[in-house]
C-alpha cells in the first residue's frame, strides 16, 4: 500500500491558511500529525475502493429541507 509522505509543519500551515485558518505555534505539531494521518487514510481508501467510488455519481450526504434554506 502506497502511503503519502508526512506533511511538513510548513505544508500544514499553508493548507490551513488556504481556508483562512491560523494555527497557533503550540498546536502546529499536533495538527500536522493529524492532517498527515488523515491524508494517509484517504490514500488507503482510494486504493481499496477507488474503482467502486469512480463507478457511481457522488451524492450529497445531507439533503436540506425547505425550512433550512
N, C-alpha and C. Protein backbone atom coordinates (compact mmCIF):
# COMPACT_ATOMS: atom_id res chain seq x y z
N UNK A 1 0.84 -1.18 0.00
CA UNK A 1 0.00 0.00 0.00
C UNK A 1 0.89 1.25 0.00
N UNK A 2 0.62 2.12 -0.95
CA UNK A 2 1.38 3.36 -1.04
C UNK A 2 0.88 4.34 0.02
N UNK A 3 1.80 4.97 0.71
CA UNK A 3 1.41 5.95 1.72
C UNK A 3 1.96 7.31 1.34
N UNK A 4 1.21 8.34 1.69
CA UNK A 4 1.67 9.70 1.46
C UNK A 4 2.82 10.00 2.42
N UNK A 5 3.79 10.74 1.95
CA UNK A 5 4.81 11.18 2.91
C UNK A 5 4.15 12.14 3.91
N UNK A 6 4.69 12.18 5.10
CA UNK A 6 4.14 13.06 6.13
C UNK A 6 4.25 14.52 5.69
N UNK A 7 3.27 15.30 6.08
CA UNK A 7 3.32 16.73 5.82
C UNK A 7 4.40 17.37 6.68
N UNK A 8 4.97 18.42 6.17
CA UNK A 8 5.86 19.22 6.99
C UNK A 8 5.01 20.24 7.76
N UNK A 9 5.60 20.83 8.77
CA UNK A 9 4.90 21.88 9.52
C UNK A 9 4.47 23.01 8.59
N UNK A 10 5.35 23.38 7.67
CA UNK A 10 5.04 24.48 6.76
C UNK A 10 3.90 24.11 5.81
N UNK A 11 3.87 22.87 5.33
CA UNK A 11 2.77 22.45 4.47
C UNK A 11 1.44 22.48 5.21
N UNK A 12 1.43 22.02 6.46
CA UNK A 12 0.21 22.06 7.26
C UNK A 12 -0.24 23.51 7.47
N UNK A 13 0.70 24.38 7.75
CA UNK A 13 0.38 25.80 7.96
C UNK A 13 -0.22 26.39 6.67
N UNK A 14 0.36 26.07 5.53
CA UNK A 14 -0.13 26.60 4.26
C UNK A 14 -1.51 26.04 3.91
N UNK A 15 -1.75 24.77 4.18
CA UNK A 15 -3.09 24.20 3.96
C UNK A 15 -4.13 24.93 4.80
N UNK A 16 -3.81 25.17 6.05
CA UNK A 16 -4.73 25.89 6.93
C UNK A 16 -4.97 27.31 6.43
N UNK A 17 -3.93 27.99 6.03
CA UNK A 17 -4.07 29.36 5.53
C UNK A 17 -4.93 29.42 4.27
N UNK A 18 -4.91 28.35 3.49
CA UNK A 18 -5.70 28.29 2.27
C UNK A 18 -7.19 28.45 2.56
N UNK A 19 -7.63 27.95 3.70
CA UNK A 19 -9.05 28.07 4.08
C UNK A 19 -9.26 29.10 5.18
N UNK A 20 -8.28 29.96 5.38
CA UNK A 20 -8.43 31.07 6.30
C UNK A 20 -8.21 30.73 7.77
N UNK A 21 -7.51 29.64 8.05
CA UNK A 21 -7.23 29.27 9.44
C UNK A 21 -5.80 29.61 9.81
N UNK A 22 -5.63 30.07 11.01
CA UNK A 22 -4.30 30.34 11.55
C UNK A 22 -4.06 29.36 12.68
N UNK A 23 -3.06 28.51 12.55
CA UNK A 23 -2.77 27.50 13.58
C UNK A 23 -1.76 28.08 14.55
N UNK A 24 -2.10 28.13 15.83
CA UNK A 24 -1.13 28.60 16.82
C UNK A 24 0.11 27.69 16.82
N UNK A 25 1.25 28.28 17.03
CA UNK A 25 2.52 27.54 17.02
C UNK A 25 2.48 26.34 17.98
N UNK A 26 1.86 26.51 19.12
CA UNK A 26 1.79 25.43 20.11
C UNK A 26 0.99 24.23 19.62
N UNK A 27 0.09 24.43 18.65
CA UNK A 27 -0.75 23.36 18.12
C UNK A 27 -0.26 22.80 16.79
N UNK A 28 0.74 23.40 16.21
CA UNK A 28 1.13 23.06 14.84
C UNK A 28 1.62 21.61 14.70
N UNK A 29 2.39 21.11 15.65
CA UNK A 29 2.87 19.72 15.55
C UNK A 29 1.69 18.74 15.58
N UNK A 30 0.74 18.96 16.48
CA UNK A 30 -0.42 18.09 16.59
C UNK A 30 -1.27 18.14 15.32
N UNK A 31 -1.52 19.31 14.80
CA UNK A 31 -2.31 19.46 13.58
C UNK A 31 -1.59 18.81 12.40
N UNK A 32 -0.29 18.98 12.32
CA UNK A 32 0.49 18.37 11.24
C UNK A 32 0.39 16.85 11.29
N UNK A 33 0.53 16.28 12.47
CA UNK A 33 0.43 14.84 12.62
C UNK A 33 -0.96 14.33 12.24
N UNK A 34 -1.99 15.00 12.69
CA UNK A 34 -3.37 14.57 12.40
C UNK A 34 -3.70 14.73 10.92
N UNK A 35 -3.27 15.81 10.30
CA UNK A 35 -3.52 16.01 8.88
C UNK A 35 -2.79 14.95 8.05
N UNK A 36 -1.57 14.62 8.44
CA UNK A 36 -0.81 13.57 7.75
C UNK A 36 -1.51 12.23 7.86
N UNK A 37 -2.03 11.91 9.04
CA UNK A 37 -2.75 10.66 9.25
C UNK A 37 -4.02 10.61 8.40
N UNK A 38 -4.73 11.72 8.33
CA UNK A 38 -5.94 11.78 7.53
C UNK A 38 -5.63 11.56 6.05
N UNK A 39 -4.60 12.21 5.55
CA UNK A 39 -4.23 12.03 4.15
C UNK A 39 -3.80 10.60 3.85
N UNK A 40 -3.10 9.97 4.78
CA UNK A 40 -2.70 8.57 4.61
C UNK A 40 -3.92 7.66 4.56
N UNK A 41 -4.89 7.91 5.44
CA UNK A 41 -6.12 7.11 5.45
C UNK A 41 -6.91 7.30 4.16
N UNK A 42 -6.96 8.53 3.66
CA UNK A 42 -7.67 8.79 2.41
C UNK A 42 -6.99 8.07 1.25
N UNK A 43 -5.67 8.02 1.25
CA UNK A 43 -4.93 7.29 0.21
C UNK A 43 -5.26 5.81 0.26
N UNK A 44 -5.30 5.25 1.46
CA UNK A 44 -5.63 3.82 1.62
C UNK A 44 -7.04 3.54 1.11
N UNK A 45 -8.01 4.41 1.44
CA UNK A 45 -9.38 4.21 0.98
C UNK A 45 -9.46 4.30 -0.54
N UNK A 46 -8.76 5.24 -1.12
CA UNK A 46 -8.75 5.39 -2.57
C UNK A 46 -8.19 4.15 -3.24
N UNK A 47 -7.13 3.58 -2.67
CA UNK A 47 -6.53 2.38 -3.24
C UNK A 47 -7.47 1.19 -3.14
N UNK A 48 -8.18 1.08 -2.02
CA UNK A 48 -9.06 -0.06 -1.82
C UNK A 48 -10.39 0.07 -2.55
N UNK A 49 -10.97 1.27 -2.55
CA UNK A 49 -12.32 1.45 -3.09
C UNK A 49 -12.38 2.37 -4.31
N UNK A 50 -11.23 2.78 -4.82
CA UNK A 50 -11.20 3.77 -5.90
C UNK A 50 -12.06 3.42 -7.09
N UNK A 51 -11.95 2.17 -7.58
CA UNK A 51 -12.73 1.77 -8.75
C UNK A 51 -14.22 1.79 -8.45
N UNK A 52 -14.60 1.36 -7.26
CA UNK A 52 -16.01 1.38 -6.87
C UNK A 52 -16.52 2.82 -6.74
N UNK A 53 -15.71 3.68 -6.16
CA UNK A 53 -16.13 5.08 -5.97
C UNK A 53 -16.24 5.79 -7.31
N UNK A 54 -15.39 5.43 -8.27
CA UNK A 54 -15.44 6.05 -9.59
C UNK A 54 -16.64 5.59 -10.41
N UNK A 55 -17.25 4.47 -10.02
CA UNK A 55 -18.36 3.90 -10.79
C UNK A 55 -19.72 4.51 -10.44
N UNK A 56 -19.80 5.33 -9.41
CA UNK A 56 -21.07 5.92 -9.01
C UNK A 56 -20.96 7.43 -8.95
N UNK A 57 -22.10 8.09 -9.12
CA UNK A 57 -22.15 9.54 -9.02
C UNK A 57 -22.13 9.93 -7.54
N UNK A 58 -21.41 10.99 -7.18
CA UNK A 58 -21.42 11.43 -5.79
C UNK A 58 -22.79 11.94 -5.38
N UNK A 59 -23.17 11.64 -4.17
CA UNK A 59 -24.45 12.09 -3.63
C UNK A 59 -24.16 12.92 -2.39
N UNK A 60 -24.76 14.09 -2.28
CA UNK A 60 -24.53 14.88 -1.06
C UNK A 60 -24.97 14.10 0.17
N UNK A 61 -24.22 14.17 1.25
CA UNK A 61 -24.57 13.41 2.44
C UNK A 61 -25.79 13.94 3.17
N UNK A 62 -26.18 15.17 2.90
CA UNK A 62 -27.32 15.78 3.58
C UNK A 62 -28.21 16.42 2.53
N UNK A 63 -29.48 16.16 2.64
CA UNK A 63 -30.43 16.79 1.74
C UNK A 63 -31.19 17.84 2.54
N UNK A 64 -30.91 19.12 2.32
CA UNK A 64 -31.56 20.16 3.12
C UNK A 64 -33.06 20.19 2.87
N UNK A 65 -33.78 20.39 3.94
CA UNK A 65 -35.22 20.57 3.83
C UNK A 65 -35.50 22.03 3.49
N UNK A 66 -36.66 22.26 3.00
CA UNK A 66 -37.03 23.59 2.59
C UNK A 66 -36.91 24.62 3.71
N UNK A 67 -37.22 24.23 4.96
CA UNK A 67 -37.18 25.19 6.05
C UNK A 67 -35.76 25.58 6.46
N UNK A 68 -34.75 24.92 5.93
CA UNK A 68 -33.36 25.29 6.21
C UNK A 68 -32.80 26.26 5.18
N UNK A 69 -33.50 26.48 4.13
CA UNK A 69 -33.00 27.33 3.03
C UNK A 69 -33.29 28.76 3.28
